[in-house]
Amino acid sequence: MREAFRLAEEEKPGAAHLELPEDIAAKQTDERPLTRSHTRRPVPEDKAVAAAVERIA
């Protein structure tokens, strides 16, 4: 589950499809849902962006 959510949120965010066998999907559980872990996307430094803009211009 965690891997599916991680893949859905990283790089190209989008939908993820999980397919479970019928016998597993039909089972009841008392477990609590997993807590969401936050993915941090890298952000370029302002200095690097300015240098790129300068080169493009």
Protein backbone atom coordinates (compact mmCIF):
# COMPACT_ATOMS: atom_id res chain seq x y z
CA MET A 1 0.00 0.00 0.00
CA ARG A 2 2.68 2.47 1.00
CA GLU A 3 4.60 1.73 -2.19
CA ALA A 4 1.52 2.33 -4.35
CA PHE A 5 0.87 5.69 -2.69
CA ARG A 6 4.53 6.65 -2.93
CA LEU A 7 4.62 5.85 -6.64
CA ALA A 8 1.35 7.70 -7.23
CA GLU A 9 2.70 10.89 -5.61
CA GLU A 10 6.29 10.94 -6.88
CA GLU A 11 7.65 12.24 -10.15
CA LYS A 12 4.49 12.07 -12.29
CA PRO A 13 1.62 12.27 -9.77
CA GLY A 14 -1.41 10.28 -10.77
CA ALA A 15 -3.64 7.33 -10.11
CA ALA A 16 -2.43 4.00 -8.79
CA HIS A 17 -4.33 0.76 -9.21
CA LEU A 18 -4.25 -1.90 -6.51
CA GLU A 19 -5.63 -5.32 -7.29
CA LEU A 20 -6.18 -7.77 -4.47
CA PRO A 21 -7.21 -11.42 -4.69
CA GLU A 22 -10.94 -11.84 -3.98
CA ASP A 23 -10.37 -13.84 -0.79
CA ILE A 24 -8.13 -11.10 0.61
CA ALA A 25 -10.36 -8.23 -0.51
CA ALA A 26 -13.40 -9.81 1.16
CA LYS A 27 -11.75 -10.14 4.60
CA GLN A 28 -12.72 -7.84 7.45
CA THR A 29 -10.08 -6.20 9.62
CA ASP A 30 -9.91 -4.21 12.84
CA GLU A 31 -6.72 -2.48 11.75
CA ARG A 32 -6.60 1.29 11.42
CA PRO A 33 -5.72 2.86 8.05
CA LEU A 34 -2.07 3.71 7.50
CA THR A 35 -1.09 7.27 8.29
CA ARG A 36 -0.09 9.33 5.30
CA SER A 37 3.61 9.94 4.85
CA HIS A 38 4.50 13.18 3.12
CA THR A 39 6.73 13.14 0.08
CA ARG A 40 9.09 16.07 -0.24
CA ARG A 41 9.84 17.14 -3.77
CA PRO A 42 13.22 18.70 -4.45
CA VAL A 43 13.22 22.45 -5.05
CA PRO A 44 16.03 24.17 -6.95
CA GLU A 45 17.96 26.97 -5.30
CA ASP A 46 17.03 30.50 -6.39
CA LYS A 47 20.64 30.99 -7.52
CA ALA A 48 20.41 28.00 -9.89
CA VAL A 49 17.08 29.21 -11.33
CA ALA A 50 18.51 32.68 -11.90
CA ALA A 51 21.54 31.21 -13.68
CA ALA A 52 19.28 29.10 -15.93
CA VAL A 53 17.10 32.10 -16.78
CA GLU A 54 20.20 34.12 -17.61
CA ARG A 55 21.52 31.42 -19.96
CA ILE A 56 18.16 31.02 -21.69
CA ALA A 57 17.84 34.77 -22.18
